[in-house]
Amino acid sequence: MLANNTHQLFGRYIQNAKITIGQCNNFDDIKIRLSDFYRALRNSEWFKYINDNEYNSLLSINKKDLPPNKSLDLKFYLTKQLLESLINTLSPSDYYIYFLDYIDLRGQRKIPIGIMKIFLNSTRTPEYPAVDSLIIQPGIQSCGCLFIEEAVNYSHLNNQKENLKLSVAANALLDVYSKMGFIPYNNLGGMVLTPKNREGWAFSQPLEKYFFIQKR
């Protein structure tokens, strides 16, 4: 019921709005937008629902196959935990970049619905960029693919072979990222994406960009 209400709510927004994702380089702006995101969740019915189901969500973290209702509860729980962790550890650093996702109400106001934090390895370490945090408003679908596209294209534009790494926050998310082309490289939830060699990804020569073309 809660998820249905959210889809209806954002459905009304999207009718008169557009979803935009962009890199944010101003640290003060990142703090403000992150606080706006957290406040919007805290002032909704989400936090009470998450707190009421916290124990069951904790039991689900290491399970790979979950029924839809348990999977949704876990998603809500992880959203709150990751968001609070990001707020508590946020600090200026040359090793991180941020992408923000908004619903833009035709110039009236921007509603933050997601944030992605990417860790950039030092130039002395030939490693790929790594998604450190990917947090999306519970109930919103398909935005994860858009964020991953942005991260892949950042890697491409910065001569890091388009490749991307991440570590999943729960085993149930392994399948989610597998559908985007990620493959495990260790037993600790680490996954890597090489879009050039993975089905579902296409490169546009005119736009110089990668796109995830499988159904979202």
N, C-alpha and C. Protein backbone atom coordinates (compact mmCIF):
# COMPACT_ATOMS: atom_id res chain seq x y z
N MET A 1 0.83 -1.21 0.00
CA MET A 1 0.00 0.00 0.00
C MET A 1 0.87 1.26 0.00
N LEU A 2 1.93 1.19 0.81
CA LEU A 2 2.82 2.34 0.90
C LEU A 2 3.50 2.60 -0.43
N ALA A 3 3.97 1.55 -1.09
CA ALA A 3 4.62 1.71 -2.39
C ALA A 3 3.65 2.25 -3.42
N ASN A 4 2.41 1.76 -3.41
CA ASN A 4 1.41 2.25 -4.36
C ASN A 4 1.17 3.74 -4.17
N ASN A 5 1.08 4.17 -2.92
CA ASN A 5 0.87 5.59 -2.64
C ASN A 5 2.03 6.42 -3.19
N THR A 6 3.23 5.89 -3.06
CA THR A 6 4.40 6.63 -3.55
C THR A 6 4.37 6.75 -5.06
N HIS A 7 4.05 5.66 -5.75
CA HIS A 7 3.98 5.72 -7.21
C HIS A 7 2.92 6.73 -7.65
N GLN A 8 1.79 6.77 -6.95
CA GLN A 8 0.75 7.73 -7.30
C GLN A 8 1.24 9.16 -7.07
N LEU A 9 1.92 9.36 -5.95
CA LEU A 9 2.43 10.69 -5.61
C LEU A 9 3.40 11.18 -6.67
N PHE A 10 4.40 10.36 -6.99
CA PHE A 10 5.39 10.79 -7.96
C PHE A 10 4.84 10.77 -9.37
N GLY A 11 3.82 9.97 -9.62
CA GLY A 11 3.16 10.00 -10.92
C GLY A 11 2.56 11.37 -11.18
N ARG A 12 2.00 11.99 -10.15
CA ARG A 12 1.44 13.34 -10.30
C ARG A 12 2.55 14.34 -10.58
N TYR A 13 3.69 14.17 -9.90
CA TYR A 13 4.81 15.06 -10.15
C TYR A 13 5.30 14.93 -11.59
N ILE A 14 5.50 13.69 -12.04
CA ILE A 14 6.15 13.45 -13.32
C ILE A 14 5.30 13.93 -14.48
N GLN A 15 3.98 13.98 -14.31
CA GLN A 15 3.12 14.49 -15.38
C GLN A 15 3.50 15.92 -15.76
N ASN A 16 3.96 16.70 -14.81
CA ASN A 16 4.30 18.10 -15.06
C ASN A 16 5.78 18.39 -14.78
N ALA A 17 6.60 17.38 -14.94
CA ALA A 17 7.99 17.56 -14.56
C ALA A 17 8.89 16.67 -15.41
N LYS A 18 10.18 16.83 -15.19
CA LYS A 18 11.14 15.94 -15.83
C LYS A 18 12.16 15.51 -14.78
N ILE A 19 12.70 14.31 -14.98
CA ILE A 19 13.73 13.80 -14.08
C ILE A 19 15.08 14.13 -14.68
N THR A 20 15.95 14.76 -13.91
CA THR A 20 17.28 15.12 -14.39
C THR A 20 18.34 14.60 -13.43
N ILE A 21 19.45 14.15 -13.99
CA ILE A 21 20.60 13.72 -13.19
C ILE A 21 21.80 14.55 -13.62
N GLY A 22 22.53 15.07 -12.66
CA GLY A 22 23.70 15.85 -13.01
C GLY A 22 24.76 15.77 -11.94
N GLN A 23 26.01 15.97 -12.35
CA GLN A 23 27.11 15.98 -11.40
C GLN A 23 27.08 17.28 -10.62
N CYS A 24 27.32 17.17 -9.32
CA CYS A 24 27.34 18.35 -8.45
C CYS A 24 28.75 18.52 -7.89
N ASN A 25 29.37 19.66 -8.15
CA ASN A 25 30.74 19.90 -7.72
C ASN A 25 30.85 20.85 -6.53
N ASN A 26 29.73 21.44 -6.14
CA ASN A 26 29.74 22.39 -5.02
C ASN A 26 29.40 21.65 -3.73
N PHE A 27 30.37 21.58 -2.82
CA PHE A 27 30.17 20.79 -1.61
C PHE A 27 29.02 21.31 -0.76
N ASP A 28 28.89 22.62 -0.64
CA ASP A 28 27.80 23.19 0.15
C ASP A 28 26.44 22.83 -0.45
N ASP A 29 26.37 22.82 -1.77
CA ASP A 29 25.13 22.45 -2.44
C ASP A 29 24.82 20.98 -2.21
N ILE A 30 25.84 20.14 -2.21
CA ILE A 30 25.65 18.71 -1.93
C ILE A 30 25.04 18.53 -0.55
N LYS A 31 25.58 19.24 0.45
CA LYS A 31 25.06 19.12 1.81
C LYS A 31 23.60 19.55 1.88
N ILE A 32 23.27 20.64 1.21
CA ILE A 32 21.90 21.15 1.22
C ILE A 32 20.95 20.15 0.58
N ARG A 33 21.33 19.64 -0.59
CA ARG A 33 20.46 18.71 -1.31
C ARG A 33 20.30 17.40 -0.55
N LEU A 34 21.37 16.95 0.08
CA LEU A 34 21.30 15.73 0.87
C LEU A 34 20.38 15.91 2.07
N SER A 35 20.46 17.07 2.71
CA SER A 35 19.57 17.38 3.83
C SER A 35 18.12 17.46 3.37
N ASP A 36 17.90 18.05 2.19
CA ASP A 36 16.54 18.11 1.63
C ASP A 36 15.98 16.72 1.39
N PHE A 37 16.82 15.85 0.85
CA PHE A 37 16.43 14.48 0.57
C PHE A 37 16.04 13.76 1.87
N TYR A 38 16.90 13.90 2.88
CA TYR A 38 16.65 13.24 4.16
C TYR A 38 15.40 13.79 4.83
N ARG A 39 15.24 15.10 4.78
CA ARG A 39 14.07 15.74 5.41
C ARG A 39 12.77 15.28 4.75
N ALA A 40 12.80 15.16 3.43
CA ALA A 40 11.60 14.72 2.71
C ALA A 40 11.19 13.32 3.13
N LEU A 41 12.17 12.45 3.34
CA LEU A 41 11.86 11.09 3.79
C LEU A 41 11.41 11.08 5.25
N ARG A 42 12.12 11.83 6.08
CA ARG A 42 11.81 11.85 7.51
C ARG A 42 10.41 12.38 7.77
N ASN A 43 9.98 13.36 6.99
CA ASN A 43 8.67 13.97 7.20
C ASN A 43 7.53 13.18 6.54
N SER A 44 7.87 12.10 5.88
CA SER A 44 6.83 11.27 5.26
C SER A 44 6.54 10.08 6.16
N GLU A 45 5.70 9.18 5.69
CA GLU A 45 5.39 7.98 6.47
C GLU A 45 6.45 6.90 6.31
N TRP A 46 7.47 7.15 5.48
CA TRP A 46 8.48 6.13 5.22
C TRP A 46 9.24 5.73 6.48
N PHE A 47 9.71 6.71 7.25
CA PHE A 47 10.58 6.38 8.37
C PHE A 47 9.86 5.54 9.42
N LYS A 48 8.62 5.85 9.69
CA LYS A 48 7.88 5.04 10.66
C LYS A 48 7.74 3.61 10.16
N TYR A 49 7.43 3.48 8.88
CA TYR A 49 7.29 2.15 8.29
C TYR A 49 8.62 1.38 8.36
N ILE A 50 9.72 2.06 8.05
CA ILE A 50 11.04 1.43 8.08
C ILE A 50 11.39 0.99 9.50
N ASN A 51 11.17 1.87 10.47
CA ASN A 51 11.49 1.54 11.86
C ASN A 51 10.65 0.38 12.37
N ASP A 52 9.39 0.33 11.96
CA ASP A 52 8.51 -0.76 12.40
C ASP A 52 8.95 -2.11 11.85
N ASN A 53 9.65 -2.09 10.70
CA ASN A 53 10.05 -3.34 10.04
C ASN A 53 11.56 -3.56 10.06
N GLU A 54 12.25 -2.82 10.92
CA GLU A 54 13.72 -2.88 10.92
C GLU A 54 14.26 -4.27 11.24
N TYR A 55 13.69 -4.94 12.22
CA TYR A 55 14.22 -6.25 12.63
C TYR A 55 14.12 -7.26 11.49
N ASN A 56 12.95 -7.32 10.86
CA ASN A 56 12.78 -8.26 9.75
C ASN A 56 13.68 -7.92 8.58
N SER A 57 13.93 -6.64 8.35
CA SER A 57 14.82 -6.23 7.27
C SER A 57 16.25 -6.68 7.54
N LEU A 58 16.69 -6.58 8.78
CA LEU A 58 18.03 -7.03 9.14
C LEU A 58 18.20 -8.52 8.88
N LEU A 59 17.15 -9.29 9.12
CA LEU A 59 17.21 -10.73 8.87
C LEU A 59 17.32 -11.04 7.39
N SER A 60 16.94 -10.10 6.53
CA SER A 60 16.89 -10.34 5.09
C SER A 60 18.18 -9.97 4.36
N ILE A 61 19.10 -9.27 5.04
CA ILE A 61 20.25 -8.70 4.35
C ILE A 61 21.10 -9.75 3.64
N ASN A 62 21.31 -10.91 4.27
CA ASN A 62 22.18 -11.92 3.68
C ASN A 62 21.45 -12.94 2.82
N LYS A 63 20.16 -12.74 2.60
CA LYS A 63 19.39 -13.66 1.77
C LYS A 63 19.37 -13.17 0.32
N LYS A 64 19.51 -14.11 -0.61
CA LYS A 64 19.54 -13.74 -2.03
C LYS A 64 18.16 -13.69 -2.64
N ASP A 65 17.31 -14.64 -2.28
CA ASP A 65 15.98 -14.72 -2.88
C ASP A 65 14.93 -14.30 -1.86
N LEU A 66 14.28 -13.18 -2.13
CA LEU A 66 13.27 -12.66 -1.22
C LEU A 66 11.95 -12.48 -1.95
N PRO A 67 10.83 -12.74 -1.28
CA PRO A 67 9.53 -12.42 -1.90
C PRO A 67 9.43 -10.91 -2.08
N PRO A 68 8.58 -10.46 -3.01
CA PRO A 68 8.50 -9.02 -3.33
C PRO A 68 8.32 -8.11 -2.13
N ASN A 69 7.45 -8.51 -1.18
CA ASN A 69 7.21 -7.62 -0.04
C ASN A 69 8.45 -7.50 0.85
N LYS A 70 9.18 -8.60 1.04
CA LYS A 70 10.41 -8.55 1.85
C LYS A 70 11.50 -7.76 1.13
N SER A 71 11.57 -7.93 -0.18
CA SER A 71 12.56 -7.20 -0.96
C SER A 71 12.33 -5.69 -0.88
N LEU A 72 11.06 -5.29 -0.92
CA LEU A 72 10.72 -3.88 -0.83
C LEU A 72 11.03 -3.33 0.56
N ASP A 73 10.71 -4.11 1.60
CA ASP A 73 11.03 -3.68 2.96
C ASP A 73 12.53 -3.48 3.14
N LEU A 74 13.32 -4.41 2.56
CA LEU A 74 14.78 -4.30 2.66
C LEU A 74 15.28 -3.05 1.94
N LYS A 75 14.69 -2.76 0.79
CA LYS A 75 15.07 -1.56 0.04
C LYS A 75 14.81 -0.31 0.86
N PHE A 76 13.66 -0.25 1.53
CA PHE A 76 13.34 0.91 2.37
C PHE A 76 14.37 1.06 3.49
N TYR A 77 14.67 -0.08 4.15
CA TYR A 77 15.60 -0.07 5.28
C TYR A 77 16.99 0.40 4.84
N LEU A 78 17.49 -0.14 3.72
CA LEU A 78 18.82 0.22 3.24
C LEU A 78 18.88 1.69 2.83
N THR A 79 17.79 2.20 2.26
CA THR A 79 17.76 3.61 1.88
C THR A 79 18.01 4.50 3.09
N LYS A 80 17.32 4.21 4.17
CA LYS A 80 17.47 5.01 5.39
C LYS A 80 18.88 4.87 5.97
N GLN A 81 19.38 3.63 6.05
CA GLN A 81 20.70 3.40 6.63
C GLN A 81 21.82 4.05 5.81
N LEU A 82 21.76 3.89 4.49
CA LEU A 82 22.79 4.46 3.63
C LEU A 82 22.75 5.99 3.63
N LEU A 83 21.54 6.54 3.67
CA LEU A 83 21.40 7.99 3.67
C LEU A 83 21.95 8.59 4.96
N GLU A 84 21.63 7.98 6.09
CA GLU A 84 22.15 8.48 7.36
C GLU A 84 23.66 8.33 7.44
N SER A 85 24.19 7.22 6.92
CA SER A 85 25.64 7.01 6.91
C SER A 85 26.34 8.06 6.05
N LEU A 86 25.76 8.36 4.89
CA LEU A 86 26.36 9.35 4.00
C LEU A 86 26.35 10.73 4.64
N ILE A 87 25.26 11.10 5.29
CA ILE A 87 25.18 12.40 5.96
C ILE A 87 26.23 12.51 7.06
N ASN A 88 26.41 11.43 7.82
CA ASN A 88 27.34 11.45 8.96
C ASN A 88 28.81 11.44 8.54
N THR A 89 29.10 10.99 7.34
CA THR A 89 30.50 10.88 6.90
C THR A 89 30.85 11.88 5.80
N LEU A 90 29.92 12.74 5.44
CA LEU A 90 30.15 13.67 4.33
C LEU A 90 31.24 14.67 4.68
N SER A 91 32.23 14.78 3.81
CA SER A 91 33.31 15.75 4.01
C SER A 91 33.95 16.05 2.66
N PRO A 92 34.52 17.25 2.50
CA PRO A 92 35.15 17.59 1.22
C PRO A 92 36.32 16.66 0.92
N SER A 93 36.41 16.20 -0.32
CA SER A 93 37.50 15.31 -0.71
C SER A 93 37.65 15.32 -2.23
N ASP A 94 38.88 15.29 -2.68
CA ASP A 94 39.15 15.23 -4.12
C ASP A 94 38.93 13.82 -4.67
N TYR A 95 38.71 12.86 -3.77
CA TYR A 95 38.57 11.48 -4.21
C TYR A 95 37.12 11.06 -4.42
N TYR A 96 36.18 11.98 -4.22
CA TYR A 96 34.77 11.65 -4.40
C TYR A 96 34.10 12.66 -5.32
N ILE A 97 33.18 12.16 -6.13
CA ILE A 97 32.30 13.04 -6.89
C ILE A 97 30.86 12.60 -6.63
N TYR A 98 29.93 13.50 -6.84
CA TYR A 98 28.52 13.24 -6.52
C TYR A 98 27.64 13.55 -7.72
N PHE A 99 26.63 12.71 -7.89
CA PHE A 99 25.60 12.95 -8.89
C PHE A 99 24.26 13.02 -8.15
N LEU A 100 23.44 14.00 -8.50
CA LEU A 100 22.14 14.18 -7.87
C LEU A 100 21.03 13.99 -8.89
N ASP A 101 19.92 13.46 -8.43
CA ASP A 101 18.76 13.17 -9.28
C ASP A 101 17.58 13.97 -8.74
N TYR A 102 16.93 14.72 -9.65
CA TYR A 102 15.81 15.57 -9.24
C TYR A 102 14.58 15.30 -10.08
N ILE A 103 13.44 15.56 -9.48
CA ILE A 103 12.23 15.81 -10.26
C ILE A 103 12.09 17.32 -10.34
N ASP A 104 12.15 17.85 -11.55
CA ASP A 104 12.11 19.30 -11.78
C ASP A 104 10.69 19.71 -12.14
N LEU A 105 10.03 20.43 -11.24
CA LEU A 105 8.64 20.84 -11.45
C LEU A 105 8.57 22.12 -12.26
N ARG A 106 9.08 22.05 -13.48
CA ARG A 106 9.00 23.17 -14.43
C ARG A 106 9.40 24.51 -13.81
N GLY A 107 10.51 24.52 -13.12
CA GLY A 107 11.03 25.76 -12.56
C GLY A 107 10.43 26.14 -11.22
N GLN A 108 9.41 25.41 -10.75
CA GLN A 108 8.80 25.76 -9.47
C GLN A 108 9.70 25.33 -8.31
N ARG A 109 10.14 24.09 -8.33
CA ARG A 109 11.06 23.59 -7.32
C ARG A 109 11.63 22.26 -7.79
N LYS A 110 12.77 21.90 -7.22
CA LYS A 110 13.40 20.62 -7.54
C LYS A 110 13.30 19.70 -6.33
N ILE A 111 12.76 18.51 -6.56
CA ILE A 111 12.60 17.54 -5.49
C ILE A 111 13.71 16.49 -5.63
N PRO A 112 14.66 16.40 -4.68
CA PRO A 112 15.72 15.40 -4.80
C PRO A 112 15.17 14.00 -4.58
N ILE A 113 15.48 13.09 -5.49
CA ILE A 113 14.98 11.71 -5.35
C ILE A 113 16.10 10.69 -5.38
N GLY A 114 17.36 11.14 -5.48
CA GLY A 114 18.44 10.17 -5.47
C GLY A 114 19.80 10.85 -5.45
N ILE A 115 20.80 10.11 -4.98
CA ILE A 115 22.17 10.61 -4.95
C ILE A 115 23.13 9.44 -5.16
N MET A 116 24.19 9.69 -5.89
CA MET A 116 25.24 8.68 -6.11
C MET A 116 26.59 9.29 -5.75
N LYS A 117 27.36 8.56 -4.97
CA LYS A 117 28.71 8.98 -4.58
C LYS A 117 29.71 8.01 -5.21
N ILE A 118 30.67 8.55 -5.94
CA ILE A 118 31.66 7.72 -6.63
C ILE A 118 33.04 7.98 -6.05
N PHE A 119 33.75 6.91 -5.75
CA PHE A 119 35.12 7.00 -5.26
C PHE A 119 36.08 6.94 -6.43
N LEU A 120 36.98 7.91 -6.50
CA LEU A 120 38.00 7.95 -7.55
C LEU A 120 39.33 7.52 -6.97
N ASN A 121 39.90 6.45 -7.50
CA ASN A 121 41.18 5.99 -7.00
C ASN A 121 42.28 6.97 -7.38
N SER A 122 43.36 6.94 -6.62
CA SER A 122 44.48 7.83 -6.92
C SER A 122 45.09 7.44 -8.27
N THR A 123 45.74 8.38 -8.89
CA THR A 123 46.32 8.13 -10.22
C THR A 123 47.43 7.09 -10.17
N ARG A 124 47.92 6.81 -8.97
CA ARG A 124 48.97 5.80 -8.84
C ARG A 124 48.39 4.39 -8.81
N THR A 125 47.08 4.29 -8.70
CA THR A 125 46.44 2.99 -8.63
C THR A 125 45.57 2.78 -9.86
N PRO A 126 45.91 1.85 -10.73
CA PRO A 126 45.13 1.65 -11.96
C PRO A 126 43.82 0.91 -11.70
N GLU A 127 42.95 1.55 -10.97
CA GLU A 127 41.67 0.94 -10.63
C GLU A 127 40.54 1.72 -11.30
N TYR A 128 39.37 1.08 -11.39
CA TYR A 128 38.20 1.74 -11.96
C TYR A 128 37.52 2.61 -10.91
N PRO A 129 36.72 3.59 -11.33
CA PRO A 129 35.87 4.30 -10.36
C PRO A 129 34.93 3.31 -9.67
N ALA A 130 34.61 3.59 -8.43
CA ALA A 130 33.74 2.68 -7.67
C ALA A 130 32.54 3.44 -7.13
N VAL A 131 31.36 2.88 -7.31
CA VAL A 131 30.15 3.47 -6.73
C VAL A 131 30.18 3.21 -5.23
N ASP A 132 30.38 4.26 -4.46
CA ASP A 132 30.47 4.13 -3.01
C ASP A 132 29.09 4.10 -2.37
N SER A 133 28.17 4.91 -2.89
CA SER A 133 26.79 4.95 -2.40
C SER A 133 25.85 5.24 -3.57
N LEU A 134 24.74 4.54 -3.61
CA LEU A 134 23.68 4.82 -4.57
C LEU A 134 22.36 4.74 -3.82
N ILE A 135 21.75 5.90 -3.59
CA ILE A 135 20.56 5.98 -2.75
C ILE A 135 19.44 6.62 -3.54
N ILE A 136 18.31 5.93 -3.59
CA ILE A 136 17.17 6.41 -4.38
C ILE A 136 15.92 6.40 -3.51
N GLN A 137 15.09 7.40 -3.70
CA GLN A 137 13.81 7.49 -2.99
C GLN A 137 13.05 6.17 -3.08
N PRO A 138 12.65 5.57 -1.94
CA PRO A 138 11.89 4.32 -1.99
C PRO A 138 10.62 4.48 -2.83
N GLY A 139 10.35 3.48 -3.63
CA GLY A 139 9.16 3.51 -4.47
C GLY A 139 9.42 4.00 -5.87
N ILE A 140 10.56 4.68 -6.09
CA ILE A 140 10.91 5.14 -7.43
C ILE A 140 11.61 4.00 -8.17
N GLN A 141 11.21 3.76 -9.39
CA GLN A 141 11.79 2.68 -10.18
C GLN A 141 12.60 3.22 -11.35
N SER A 142 13.59 2.45 -11.78
CA SER A 142 14.39 2.69 -12.99
C SER A 142 15.47 3.76 -12.85
N CYS A 143 15.47 4.54 -11.79
CA CYS A 143 16.48 5.59 -11.66
C CYS A 143 17.88 5.01 -11.47
N GLY A 144 17.97 3.81 -10.90
CA GLY A 144 19.27 3.19 -10.70
C GLY A 144 20.02 3.02 -12.00
N CYS A 145 19.31 2.61 -13.05
CA CYS A 145 19.94 2.45 -14.38
C CYS A 145 20.49 3.77 -14.89
N LEU A 146 19.75 4.85 -14.65
CA LEU A 146 20.19 6.17 -15.11
C LEU A 146 21.46 6.61 -14.39
N PHE A 147 21.52 6.33 -13.09
CA PHE A 147 22.72 6.67 -12.34
C PHE A 147 23.93 5.87 -12.84
N ILE A 148 23.73 4.57 -13.07
CA ILE A 148 24.83 3.73 -13.54
C ILE A 148 25.31 4.20 -14.92
N GLU A 149 24.38 4.61 -15.77
CA GLU A 149 24.77 5.18 -17.06
C GLU A 149 25.70 6.39 -16.86
N GLU A 150 25.32 7.27 -15.93
CA GLU A 150 26.13 8.46 -15.66
C GLU A 150 27.53 8.06 -15.19
N ALA A 151 27.60 7.05 -14.32
CA ALA A 151 28.89 6.61 -13.79
C ALA A 151 29.75 5.99 -14.89
N VAL A 152 29.14 5.18 -15.74
CA VAL A 152 29.86 4.56 -16.86
C VAL A 152 30.42 5.63 -17.79
N ASN A 153 29.62 6.63 -18.10
CA ASN A 153 30.07 7.68 -19.02
C ASN A 153 31.11 8.59 -18.37
N TYR A 154 31.04 8.76 -17.07
CA TYR A 154 32.11 9.48 -16.38
C TYR A 154 33.42 8.72 -16.53
N SER A 155 33.36 7.40 -16.33
CA SER A 155 34.55 6.56 -16.48
C SER A 155 35.09 6.64 -17.91
N HIS A 156 34.18 6.64 -18.87
CA HIS A 156 34.58 6.72 -20.29
C HIS A 156 35.27 8.05 -20.60
N LEU A 157 34.69 9.15 -20.14
CA LEU A 157 35.23 10.47 -20.45
C LEU A 157 36.55 10.74 -19.74
N ASN A 158 36.80 10.00 -18.66
CA ASN A 158 38.03 10.21 -17.90
C ASN A 158 39.06 9.11 -18.16
N ASN A 159 38.92 8.46 -19.33
CA ASN A 159 39.91 7.49 -19.80
C ASN A 159 40.13 6.32 -18.85
N GLN A 160 39.03 5.86 -18.25
CA GLN A 160 39.13 4.70 -17.37
C GLN A 160 38.35 3.52 -17.94
N LYS A 161 38.32 3.47 -19.28
CA LYS A 161 37.82 2.33 -20.04
C LYS A 161 36.36 2.00 -19.79
N GLU A 162 35.58 2.99 -19.35
CA GLU A 162 34.15 2.83 -19.12
C GLU A 162 33.82 1.91 -17.95
N ASN A 163 34.82 1.24 -17.40
CA ASN A 163 34.55 0.22 -16.39
C ASN A 163 34.16 0.84 -15.05
N LEU A 164 33.49 0.02 -14.25
CA LEU A 164 32.91 0.52 -13.00
C LEU A 164 32.87 -0.61 -11.98
N LYS A 165 33.10 -0.25 -10.72
CA LYS A 165 33.02 -1.24 -9.64
C LYS A 165 32.01 -0.78 -8.60
N LEU A 166 31.52 -1.74 -7.83
CA LEU A 166 30.67 -1.43 -6.68
C LEU A 166 30.64 -2.62 -5.74
N SER A 167 30.16 -2.40 -4.54
CA SER A 167 29.91 -3.47 -3.58
C SER A 167 28.46 -3.37 -3.14
N VAL A 168 27.72 -4.46 -3.26
CA VAL A 168 26.30 -4.42 -2.92
C VAL A 168 26.12 -4.37 -1.41
N ALA A 169 25.07 -3.69 -0.98
CA ALA A 169 24.80 -3.55 0.45
C ALA A 169 24.06 -4.75 1.02
N ALA A 170 23.50 -5.59 0.15
CA ALA A 170 22.77 -6.78 0.59
C ALA A 170 22.79 -7.81 -0.54
N ASN A 171 22.79 -9.09 -0.19
CA ASN A 171 22.86 -10.14 -1.19
C ASN A 171 21.70 -10.10 -2.17
N ALA A 172 20.55 -9.61 -1.71
CA ALA A 172 19.37 -9.56 -2.57
C ALA A 172 19.59 -8.62 -3.76
N LEU A 173 20.58 -7.73 -3.66
CA LEU A 173 20.84 -6.78 -4.74
C LEU A 173 21.77 -7.33 -5.81
N LEU A 174 22.35 -8.50 -5.57
CA LEU A 174 23.25 -9.10 -6.56
C LEU A 174 22.54 -9.28 -7.90
N ASP A 175 21.31 -9.78 -7.84
CA ASP A 175 20.56 -10.02 -9.07
C ASP A 175 20.20 -8.71 -9.77
N VAL A 176 19.90 -7.68 -8.98
CA VAL A 176 19.55 -6.38 -9.55
C VAL A 176 20.69 -5.86 -10.42
N TYR A 177 21.91 -5.91 -9.88
CA TYR A 177 23.05 -5.39 -10.63
C TYR A 177 23.52 -6.35 -11.71
N SER A 178 23.28 -7.65 -11.53
CA SER A 178 23.60 -8.61 -12.59
C SER A 178 22.81 -8.30 -13.85
N LYS A 179 21.56 -7.86 -13.68
CA LYS A 179 20.73 -7.53 -14.83
C LYS A 179 21.24 -6.29 -15.57
N MET A 180 22.08 -5.50 -14.90
CA MET A 180 22.69 -4.34 -15.55
C MET A 180 24.05 -4.67 -16.14
N GLY A 181 24.46 -5.93 -16.02
CA GLY A 181 25.73 -6.35 -16.62
C GLY A 181 26.89 -6.50 -15.66
N PHE A 182 26.68 -6.23 -14.38
CA PHE A 182 27.75 -6.42 -13.40
C PHE A 182 27.99 -7.90 -13.15
N ILE A 183 29.25 -8.27 -12.91
CA ILE A 183 29.58 -9.64 -12.54
C ILE A 183 30.40 -9.62 -11.25
N PRO A 184 30.21 -10.62 -10.37
CA PRO A 184 30.97 -10.66 -9.11
C PRO A 184 32.45 -10.89 -9.36
N TYR A 185 33.30 -10.27 -8.54
CA TYR A 185 34.73 -10.54 -8.63
C TYR A 185 35.31 -11.01 -7.30
N ASN A 186 34.47 -11.07 -6.26
CA ASN A 186 34.88 -11.68 -4.99
C ASN A 186 33.64 -12.18 -4.27
N ASN A 187 33.82 -12.73 -3.08
CA ASN A 187 32.70 -13.28 -2.30
C ASN A 187 32.17 -12.30 -1.27
N LEU A 188 32.55 -11.04 -1.40
CA LEU A 188 32.16 -10.02 -0.42
C LEU A 188 31.18 -9.01 -1.00
N GLY A 189 30.55 -9.35 -2.11
CA GLY A 189 29.60 -8.44 -2.73
C GLY A 189 30.20 -7.50 -3.74
N GLY A 190 31.51 -7.66 -4.03
CA GLY A 190 32.15 -6.82 -5.03
C GLY A 190 31.74 -7.23 -6.43
N MET A 191 31.40 -6.24 -7.27
CA MET A 191 30.98 -6.51 -8.65
C MET A 191 31.66 -5.50 -9.58
N VAL A 192 31.85 -5.91 -10.82
CA VAL A 192 32.48 -5.04 -11.81
C VAL A 192 31.67 -5.06 -13.10
N LEU A 193 31.63 -3.92 -13.77
CA LEU A 193 30.91 -3.79 -15.04
C LEU A 193 31.90 -3.35 -16.12
N THR A 194 31.92 -4.08 -17.22
CA THR A 194 32.67 -3.68 -18.42
C THR A 194 31.67 -3.58 -19.56
N PRO A 195 31.02 -2.44 -19.73
CA PRO A 195 29.89 -2.31 -20.66
C PRO A 195 30.23 -2.66 -22.10
N LYS A 196 31.47 -2.47 -22.48
CA LYS A 196 31.87 -2.77 -23.86
C LYS A 196 31.65 -4.25 -24.18
N ASN A 197 31.74 -5.10 -23.16
CA ASN A 197 31.65 -6.55 -23.38
C ASN A 197 30.36 -7.15 -22.83
N ARG A 198 29.41 -6.32 -22.43
CA ARG A 198 28.21 -6.85 -21.78
C ARG A 198 26.97 -6.56 -22.61
N GLU A 199 26.13 -7.59 -22.72
CA GLU A 199 24.86 -7.44 -23.42
C GLU A 199 23.98 -6.43 -22.68
N GLY A 200 23.26 -5.63 -23.43
CA GLY A 200 22.38 -4.64 -22.82
C GLY A 200 22.95 -3.24 -22.83
N TRP A 201 24.22 -3.12 -23.20
CA TRP A 201 24.85 -1.80 -23.27
C TRP A 201 25.21 -1.47 -24.71
N ALA A 202 25.00 -0.22 -25.09
CA ALA A 202 25.31 0.22 -26.45
C ALA A 202 26.03 1.56 -26.39
N PHE A 203 26.94 1.77 -27.33
CA PHE A 203 27.69 3.02 -27.39
C PHE A 203 27.25 3.82 -28.60
N SER A 204 26.91 5.09 -28.38
CA SER A 204 26.52 6.00 -29.46
C SER A 204 27.74 6.80 -29.90
N GLN A 205 28.19 6.57 -31.12
CA GLN A 205 29.34 7.32 -31.62
C GLN A 205 29.05 8.83 -31.73
N PRO A 206 27.88 9.23 -32.27
CA PRO A 206 27.60 10.67 -32.38
C PRO A 206 27.58 11.38 -31.02
N LEU A 207 27.03 10.69 -30.01
CA LEU A 207 26.91 11.32 -28.69
C LEU A 207 28.11 11.04 -27.79
N GLU A 208 28.94 10.08 -28.20
CA GLU A 208 30.09 9.67 -27.39
C GLU A 208 29.64 9.24 -25.99
N LYS A 209 28.57 8.45 -25.94
CA LYS A 209 28.02 8.03 -24.65
C LYS A 209 27.57 6.58 -24.71
N TYR A 210 27.59 5.94 -23.54
CA TYR A 210 27.02 4.61 -23.38
C TYR A 210 25.58 4.72 -22.88
N PHE A 211 24.76 3.78 -23.32
CA PHE A 211 23.37 3.71 -22.87
C PHE A 211 23.04 2.28 -22.48
N PHE A 212 22.29 2.15 -21.40
CA PHE A 212 21.76 0.84 -21.01
C PHE A 212 20.44 0.67 -21.74
N ILE A 213 20.37 -0.30 -22.65
CA ILE A 213 19.23 -0.38 -23.56
C ILE A 213 18.25 -1.49 -23.22
N GLN A 214 18.55 -2.29 -22.21
CA GLN A 214 17.57 -3.30 -21.81
C GLN A 214 16.40 -2.62 -21.14
N LYS A 215 15.28 -3.32 -21.13
CA LYS A 215 14.06 -2.77 -20.54
C LYS A 215 14.29 -2.42 -19.09
N ARG A 216 13.89 -1.20 -18.71
CA ARG A 216 14.10 -0.73 -17.34
C ARG A 216 12.89 -1.02 -16.48
